[in-house]
């Protein structure tokens, strides 16, 4: 039993966020143990570490999203996006290998892809596959499991198959049925200087910067609106081709709006994950270690609750050496597709029908695949 080492972060990939969070808490709150319970200190450090772990990838995702909005015309995407279902699914999964995006930043990118005319199956397949099938995560998985190519390949295969299955389930779903209207309706009023399909709308005298996700303050409290609203108004932009400086100014404006709103939705997920880590004793997991039938669902639930970034979750899974390999595969396969922070962002970005598919289908697919692999003896 003592061989199960329950660690909130990976031993290599996620040390820096945890150490930074610890240092920040110690410097911000002198002698916190004098007036705070140790578990509350652990909760604060863990929540901050989860946020810091996700933030760089969220910044990258927001940057990619903003560049896509400014420099990629919708008509160009519509002409080149595959029209057939097999082509769209293959395009989505393959794009994940060349456009690596962590799950922490993939939702803004996918929202922008959908607004540019990428078919829903392709965008959904990319959103689920990209955090795992990219080379960075493949290498980190290989390192975490000490050169185990079977685990590395099976992780990518299970996630890619799940992405295809979910993509097939949304084959008849239009963009309007997938994306929440409150963010999508104003997505083109960017005032960014990008002269493509919505350039005519730049004649509007003023238009607010439109985020990819709903304003956090509009949903939870009016007092939070100032965090993401920004308050600035877009200046009139002529229809003539914009200068490069104006285009990069548009990138900065889009990126700032997307990042602030996505961070606001990331925080509740990070806090929920930190609460679980701080108040769940390691002994509570020992009951599920003996058989794959119990260990696989337990590790899937743990992946959802811990909300570890896909670049680091393999190190966390590898530390559970007392669990069957099939259960650890379930952890690293489901986590990048479904966790607490992702559920918050899914709910903010997409309509209920798509959100239900993104929650239910990956869970069922990963469970079935890992149980099958365990039953066939491919993994323990």
Protein backbone atom coordinates (compact mmCIF):
# COMPACT_ATOMS: atom_id res chain seq x y z
CA UNK A 1 0.00 0.00 0.00
CA UNK A 2 2.85 2.34 0.76
CA UNK A 3 3.96 2.19 -2.86
CA UNK A 4 1.18 4.54 -3.96
CA UNK A 5 2.68 8.00 -3.80
CA UNK A 6 -0.01 10.63 -4.08
CA UNK A 7 1.61 13.81 -5.35
CA UNK A 8 -0.30 16.89 -6.40
CA UNK A 9 2.24 17.71 -9.09
CA UNK A 10 4.66 15.86 -11.30
CA UNK A 11 8.18 15.31 -10.06
CA UNK A 12 9.81 17.13 -12.97
CA UNK A 13 7.46 19.01 -15.27
CA UNK A 14 5.37 20.83 -12.68
CA UNK A 15 7.90 21.62 -9.93
CA UNK A 16 8.29 25.23 -10.99
CA UNK A 17 4.61 26.29 -10.65
CA UNK A 18 4.33 24.62 -7.24
CA UNK A 19 7.57 26.17 -5.99
CA UNK A 20 6.57 29.57 -7.33
CA UNK A 21 3.19 29.35 -5.60
CA UNK A 22 4.83 28.36 -2.31
CA UNK A 23 7.29 31.25 -2.54
CA UNK A 24 4.51 33.70 -3.41
CA UNK A 25 2.35 32.66 -0.45
CA UNK A 26 5.31 32.86 1.93
CA UNK A 27 6.28 36.34 0.72
CA UNK A 28 2.73 37.71 0.53
CA UNK A 29 1.50 36.36 3.88
CA UNK A 30 4.29 36.47 6.50
CA UNK A 31 4.12 33.50 8.89
CA UNK A 32 0.83 32.14 7.49
CA UNK A 33 0.87 29.21 9.93
CA UNK A 34 0.20 31.63 12.80
CA UNK A 35 -3.37 32.31 11.69
CA UNK A 36 -4.21 29.83 8.90
CA UNK A 37 -4.88 26.12 9.00
CA UNK A 38 -2.22 24.09 7.20
CA UNK A 39 -4.82 22.70 4.81
CA UNK A 40 -5.94 26.19 3.86
CA UNK A 41 -2.34 27.16 3.14
CA UNK A 42 -2.00 24.01 1.03
CA UNK A 43 -5.24 24.89 -0.77
CA UNK A 44 -4.03 28.41 -1.58
CA UNK A 45 -0.64 27.19 -2.78
CA UNK A 46 -2.18 24.45 -4.89
CA UNK A 47 -4.80 26.70 -6.48
CA UNK A 48 -2.14 29.24 -7.40
CA UNK A 49 0.12 26.48 -8.74
CA UNK A 50 -2.66 25.07 -10.94
CA UNK A 51 -3.30 28.56 -12.28
CA UNK A 52 0.40 29.23 -12.92
CA UNK A 53 0.77 25.84 -14.58
CA UNK A 54 -2.05 26.59 -17.00
CA UNK A 55 -1.33 30.28 -17.60
CA UNK A 56 1.56 30.00 -20.13
CA UNK A 57 -0.47 27.69 -22.34
CA UNK A 58 -3.54 29.89 -22.02
CA UNK A 59 -1.41 32.84 -23.15
CA UNK A 60 -0.18 30.81 -26.11
CA UNK A 61 -3.71 29.74 -27.00
CA UNK A 62 -4.98 33.31 -26.80
CA UNK A 63 -2.10 34.49 -29.00
CA UNK A 64 -2.80 31.83 -31.63
CA UNK A 65 -6.49 32.69 -31.49
CA UNK A 66 -5.84 36.42 -31.91
CA UNK A 67 -3.45 35.89 -34.83
CA UNK A 68 -6.03 33.65 -36.47
CA UNK A 69 -8.68 36.36 -36.13
CA UNK A 70 -6.50 39.14 -37.54
CA UNK A 71 -4.51 37.42 -40.27
CA UNK A 72 -6.71 34.54 -41.50
CA UNK A 73 -9.78 35.53 -43.57
CA UNK A 74 -12.91 33.46 -43.11
CA UNK A 75 -13.28 32.95 -46.87
CA UNK A 76 -9.77 31.45 -47.05
CA UNK A 77 -10.61 28.92 -44.33
CA UNK A 78 -13.97 28.03 -45.86
CA UNK A 79 -12.35 27.29 -49.22
CA UNK A 80 -9.71 24.99 -47.76
CA UNK A 81 -11.47 23.24 -44.88
CA UNK A 82 -12.38 19.63 -45.77
CA UNK A 83 -16.06 19.21 -46.57
CA UNK A 84 -16.37 15.44 -46.10
CA UNK A 85 -16.69 13.95 -42.62
CA UNK A 86 -13.61 11.65 -42.89
CA UNK A 87 -11.56 14.52 -44.24
CA UNK A 88 -12.72 16.88 -41.50
CA UNK A 89 -11.92 14.37 -38.76
CA UNK A 90 -8.51 13.54 -40.21
CA UNK A 91 -7.79 17.26 -40.61
CA UNK A 92 -8.70 17.97 -36.98
CA UNK A 93 -6.56 15.19 -35.51
CA UNK A 94 -3.62 15.83 -37.84
CA UNK A 95 -3.71 19.55 -37.09
CA UNK A 96 -3.11 18.70 -33.43
CA UNK A 97 0.30 17.26 -34.31
CA UNK A 98 1.49 20.43 -36.07
CA UNK A 99 -0.36 23.09 -34.04
CA UNK A 100 0.30 21.96 -30.45
CA UNK A 101 -2.06 23.55 -27.95
CA UNK A 102 -2.47 22.56 -24.32
CA UNK A 103 -6.03 21.97 -23.11
CA UNK A 104 -5.63 25.11 -21.01
CA UNK A 105 -5.60 27.24 -24.17
CA UNK A 106 -7.35 25.16 -26.80
CA UNK A 107 -10.90 26.41 -26.19
CA UNK A 108 -10.23 29.99 -27.41
CA UNK A 109 -8.48 28.59 -30.48
CA UNK A 110 -11.41 26.32 -31.31
CA UNK A 111 -13.93 29.12 -30.84
CA UNK A 112 -11.97 31.17 -33.34
CA UNK A 113 -11.69 28.22 -35.74
CA UNK A 114 -15.46 27.79 -35.68
CA UNK A 115 -16.00 31.51 -36.29
CA UNK A 116 -13.71 31.22 -39.33
CA UNK A 117 -15.75 28.45 -40.94
CA UNK A 118 -13.93 25.28 -39.84
CA UNK A 119 -16.49 22.43 -39.71
CA UNK A 120 -17.68 21.50 -36.24
CA UNK A 121 -16.39 17.87 -36.45
CA UNK A 122 -12.90 19.08 -37.42
CA UNK A 123 -12.80 21.71 -34.67
CA UNK A 124 -14.04 19.29 -32.00
CA UNK A 125 -11.59 16.59 -33.10
CA UNK A 126 -8.75 19.11 -32.92
CA UNK A 127 -9.84 20.38 -29.50
CA UNK A 128 -9.79 16.90 -27.97
CA UNK A 129 -6.73 15.51 -29.77
CA UNK A 130 -4.32 18.46 -29.85
CA UNK A 131 -3.39 18.46 -26.14
CA UNK A 132 -2.13 14.86 -26.40
CA UNK A 133 -1.01 14.01 -29.94
CA UNK A 134 1.46 16.89 -30.21
CA UNK A 135 5.19 16.07 -30.01
CA UNK A 136 5.79 17.90 -26.72
CA UNK A 137 3.27 15.82 -24.80
CA UNK A 138 4.34 12.61 -26.53
CA UNK A 139 7.92 13.17 -25.38
CA UNK A 140 6.85 14.11 -21.84
CA UNK A 141 4.76 10.92 -21.63
CA UNK A 142 7.68 8.83 -22.85
CA UNK A 143 10.00 10.41 -20.26
CA UNK A 144 7.49 10.11 -17.41
CA UNK A 145 6.93 6.40 -18.04
CA UNK A 146 10.67 5.74 -18.40
CA UNK A 147 10.74 5.04 -22.11
CA UNK A 148 7.56 2.96 -22.23
CA UNK A 149 6.54 3.31 -25.88
CA UNK A 150 3.44 1.16 -25.35
CA UNK A 151 1.97 3.59 -22.84
CA UNK A 152 2.95 6.57 -25.00
CA UNK A 153 1.40 5.14 -28.16
CA UNK A 154 -1.74 3.90 -26.41
CA UNK A 155 -2.34 7.30 -24.86
CA UNK A 156 -2.24 9.00 -28.26
CA UNK A 157 -4.33 6.25 -29.87
CA UNK A 158 -7.08 6.30 -27.23
CA UNK A 159 -7.34 10.09 -27.33
CA UNK A 160 -7.33 10.23 -31.15
CA UNK A 161 -10.02 7.53 -31.35
CA UNK A 162 -12.11 9.40 -28.78
CA UNK A 163 -11.71 12.65 -30.70
CA UNK A 164 -12.93 10.93 -33.87
CA UNK A 165 -15.91 9.41 -32.04
CA UNK A 166 -16.98 12.75 -30.59
CA UNK A 167 -16.43 14.40 -33.97
CA UNK A 168 -18.73 11.86 -35.61
CA UNK A 169 -21.39 12.58 -32.99
CA UNK A 170 -21.49 16.27 -34.02
CA UNK A 171 -21.43 15.67 -37.78
CA UNK A 172 -24.87 17.26 -38.23
CA UNK A 173 -24.28 20.11 -35.78
CA UNK A 174 -24.04 23.59 -37.27
CA UNK A 175 -21.82 26.26 -35.78
CA UNK A 176 -24.86 28.08 -34.42
CA UNK A 177 -25.90 24.92 -32.57
CA UNK A 178 -22.44 24.46 -31.07
CA UNK A 179 -21.36 27.95 -30.02
CA UNK A 180 -23.04 30.13 -27.44
CA UNK A 181 -24.61 33.12 -29.18
CA UNK A 182 -23.68 35.74 -26.60
CA UNK A 183 -20.00 35.61 -27.55
CA UNK A 184 -20.29 34.60 -31.17
CA UNK A 185 -22.66 37.32 -32.34
CA UNK A 186 -20.14 40.09 -31.77
CA UNK A 187 -17.05 38.14 -32.67
CA UNK A 188 -16.46 40.04 -35.88
CA UNK A 189 -16.75 43.53 -34.41
CA UNK A 190 -13.09 43.61 -33.71
CA UNK A 191 -11.90 47.01 -34.86
CA UNK A 192 -8.51 45.40 -35.24
CA UNK A 193 -7.36 46.68 -38.59
CA UNK A 194 -7.63 43.25 -40.18
CA UNK A 195 -9.05 43.72 -43.65
CA UNK A 196 -10.94 40.53 -44.44
CA UNK A 197 -14.52 39.37 -44.45
CA UNK A 198 -15.80 41.69 -41.71
CA UNK A 199 -13.92 44.83 -42.76
CA UNK A 200 -17.14 46.64 -43.60
CA UNK A 201 -18.23 46.45 -39.99
CA UNK A 202 -15.22 48.52 -39.00
CA UNK A 203 -17.17 51.58 -40.07
CA UNK A 204 -19.15 51.33 -36.84
CA UNK A 205 -18.24 54.36 -34.72
CA UNK A 206 -17.58 52.28 -31.65
CA UNK A 207 -17.76 48.61 -30.78
CA UNK A 208 -16.67 46.79 -27.63
CA UNK A 209 -13.89 44.29 -27.76
CA UNK A 210 -15.64 40.94 -28.06
CA UNK A 211 -14.24 38.04 -26.04
CA UNK A 212 -14.43 34.41 -27.02
CA UNK A 213 -16.02 33.47 -23.69
CA UNK A 214 -18.92 35.20 -21.93
CA UNK A 215 -17.92 37.95 -19.55
CA UNK A 216 -17.34 36.33 -16.19
CA UNK A 217 -18.91 39.24 -14.33
CA UNK A 218 -22.09 38.99 -16.38
CA UNK A 219 -22.55 35.43 -15.18
CA UNK A 220 -21.47 35.50 -11.54
CA UNK A 221 -21.48 39.08 -10.26
CA UNK A 222 -21.70 42.55 -11.69
CA UNK A 223 -18.75 43.60 -9.57
CA UNK A 224 -16.43 41.29 -11.53
CA UNK A 225 -17.36 42.83 -14.87
CA UNK A 226 -14.58 45.37 -14.64
CA UNK A 227 -11.99 42.58 -14.68
CA UNK A 228 -12.73 41.53 -18.23
CA UNK A 229 -14.80 44.30 -19.79
CA UNK A 230 -11.82 46.56 -20.27
CA UNK A 231 -14.11 49.47 -21.04
CA UNK A 232 -12.26 50.57 -24.13
CA UNK A 233 -14.13 51.29 -27.32
CA UNK A 234 -12.83 50.46 -30.75
CA UNK A 235 -11.96 53.47 -32.90
CA UNK A 236 -13.30 53.74 -36.44
CA UNK A 237 -11.15 51.80 -38.88
CA UNK A 238 -11.11 52.59 -42.58
CA UNK A 239 -11.78 49.84 -45.07
CA UNK A 240 -8.40 50.39 -46.73
CA UNK A 241 -5.70 47.80 -45.98
CA UNK A 242 -4.42 48.32 -42.48
CA UNK A 243 -0.78 48.80 -41.62
CA UNK A 244 1.19 46.02 -40.00
CA UNK A 245 1.29 48.03 -36.77
CA UNK A 246 -2.51 48.28 -36.76
CA UNK A 247 -2.81 44.55 -37.33
CA UNK A 248 -0.52 43.74 -34.40
CA UNK A 249 -2.46 46.22 -32.30
CA UNK A 250 -5.55 44.20 -33.19
CA UNK A 251 -3.76 41.01 -32.15
CA UNK A 252 -2.92 42.56 -28.79
CA UNK A 253 -6.52 43.69 -28.22
CA UNK A 254 -8.01 40.31 -29.14
CA UNK A 255 -5.44 38.44 -27.09
CA UNK A 256 -6.01 40.61 -24.01
CA UNK A 257 -9.79 40.22 -24.13
CA UNK A 258 -9.63 36.46 -24.71
CA UNK A 259 -7.00 35.93 -22.01
CA UNK A 260 -8.81 37.90 -19.30
CA UNK A 261 -12.10 36.12 -19.89
CA UNK A 262 -10.55 32.66 -20.15
CA UNK A 263 -8.53 33.25 -16.96
CA UNK A 264 -11.70 34.23 -15.14
CA UNK A 265 -13.22 30.89 -16.07
CA UNK A 266 -10.01 29.02 -15.26
CA UNK A 267 -9.92 30.25 -11.66
CA UNK A 268 -13.04 28.37 -10.40
CA UNK A 269 -11.71 25.13 -11.88
CA UNK A 270 -8.30 25.64 -10.29
CA UNK A 271 -9.90 26.37 -6.92
CA UNK A 272 -12.10 23.26 -7.11
CA UNK A 273 -9.13 21.08 -8.01
CA UNK A 274 -7.06 22.58 -5.20
CA UNK A 275 -9.86 21.97 -2.69
CA UNK A 276 -9.91 18.28 -3.60
CA UNK A 277 -6.14 17.98 -3.36
CA UNK A 278 -5.96 19.74 -0.02
CA UNK A 279 -8.73 17.82 1.76
CA UNK A 280 -8.48 14.30 0.28
CA UNK A 281 -6.15 11.95 2.21
CA UNK A 282 -4.02 9.57 0.13
CA UNK A 283 -5.46 6.62 2.05
CA UNK A 284 -8.84 7.25 0.42
CA UNK A 285 -7.42 5.93 -2.86
CA UNK A 286 -6.03 2.65 -1.54
CA UNK A 287 -9.41 0.90 -1.78
CA UNK A 288 -9.35 1.17 -5.58
CA UNK A 289 -5.86 -0.17 -6.25
CA UNK A 290 -6.47 -3.90 -6.43
CA UNK A 291 -8.54 -4.38 -9.60
CA UNK A 292 -8.81 -2.48 -12.89
CA UNK A 293 -12.62 -2.46 -12.63
CA UNK A 294 -12.31 -0.14 -9.63
CA UNK A 295 -8.97 1.50 -10.36
CA UNK A 296 -9.90 2.75 -13.85
CA UNK A 297 -12.99 4.76 -12.76
CA UNK A 298 -11.09 5.99 -9.70
CA UNK A 299 -8.20 7.33 -11.77
CA UNK A 300 -10.60 8.84 -14.30
CA UNK A 301 -12.35 10.70 -11.51
CA UNK A 302 -9.00 11.77 -10.13
CA UNK A 303 -7.96 13.14 -13.52
CA UNK A 304 -11.10 15.27 -13.67
CA UNK A 305 -10.65 16.57 -10.13
CA UNK A 306 -6.91 17.25 -10.18
CA UNK A 307 -7.01 19.20 -13.47
CA UNK A 308 -3.31 18.78 -14.22
CA UNK A 309 -2.02 20.21 -17.50
CA UNK A 310 -1.34 17.66 -20.25
CA UNK A 311 2.38 18.46 -20.27
CA UNK A 312 2.62 17.41 -16.61
CA UNK A 313 -0.11 14.83 -16.02
CA UNK A 314 2.01 11.90 -17.19
CA UNK A 315 4.44 12.53 -14.32
CA UNK A 316 1.54 12.55 -11.88
CA UNK A 317 0.14 9.31 -13.31
CA UNK A 318 3.55 7.63 -13.26
CA UNK A 319 3.85 8.37 -9.54
CA UNK A 320 0.83 6.14 -8.80
CA UNK A 321 2.98 3.04 -9.08
CA UNK A 322 0.56 0.89 -7.07
CA UNK A 323 -2.23 1.29 -9.62
CA UNK A 324 -2.65 -0.90 -12.73
CA UNK A 325 -1.18 0.46 -15.95
CA UNK A 326 -4.65 0.54 -17.49
CA UNK A 327 -5.82 2.87 -14.71
CA UNK A 328 -2.86 5.18 -15.23
CA UNK A 329 -3.63 5.21 -18.96
CA UNK A 330 -7.19 6.25 -18.12
CA UNK A 331 -5.80 9.15 -16.08
CA UNK A 332 -3.60 10.53 -18.86
CA UNK A 333 -6.19 9.89 -21.59
CA UNK A 334 -9.23 11.51 -19.96
CA UNK A 335 -7.60 14.43 -18.14
CA UNK A 336 -6.63 16.47 -21.24
CA UNK A 337 -10.18 16.10 -22.61
CA UNK A 338 -12.20 16.61 -19.44
CA UNK A 339 -11.38 18.19 -16.10
CA UNK A 340 -12.86 20.80 -13.80
CA UNK A 341 -11.30 23.81 -15.49
CA UNK A 342 -12.25 22.50 -18.93
CA UNK A 343 -15.85 21.91 -17.87
CA UNK A 344 -16.09 25.54 -16.77
CA UNK A 345 -14.64 26.73 -20.08
CA UNK A 346 -16.78 24.33 -22.13
CA UNK A 347 -19.89 25.64 -20.42
CA UNK A 348 -18.85 29.22 -21.07
CA UNK A 349 -18.00 28.73 -24.74
CA UNK A 350 -20.42 26.14 -26.10
CA UNK A 351 -24.10 25.27 -26.09
CA UNK A 352 -25.51 22.57 -23.84
CA UNK A 353 -25.77 19.90 -26.54
CA UNK A 354 -22.08 20.09 -27.38
CA UNK A 355 -21.06 20.36 -23.72
CA UNK A 356 -22.96 17.16 -22.89
CA UNK A 357 -21.16 15.34 -25.69
CA UNK A 358 -17.80 16.69 -24.51
CA UNK A 359 -18.48 15.40 -20.99
CA UNK A 360 -20.22 12.07 -21.59
CA UNK A 361 -18.59 10.64 -24.71
CA UNK A 362 -14.91 11.02 -23.70
CA UNK A 363 -15.73 9.45 -20.33
CA UNK A 364 -17.41 6.44 -21.93
CA UNK A 365 -14.80 6.02 -24.66
CA UNK A 366 -11.81 6.16 -22.31
CA UNK A 367 -13.47 3.80 -19.82
CA UNK A 368 -14.36 1.28 -22.55
CA UNK A 369 -10.91 1.44 -24.17
CA UNK A 370 -9.01 0.98 -20.91
CA UNK A 371 -11.28 -1.83 -19.73
CA UNK A 372 -10.81 -3.56 -23.09
CA UNK A 373 -7.03 -3.19 -22.95
CA UNK A 374 -7.00 -4.54 -19.40
CA UNK A 375 -9.26 -7.45 -20.36
CA UNK A 376 -7.10 -8.37 -23.36
CA UNK A 377 -3.98 -8.28 -21.24
CA UNK A 378 -2.36 -5.51 -23.29
CA UNK A 379 -2.06 -3.56 -20.04
CA UNK A 380 -2.43 -4.70 -16.46
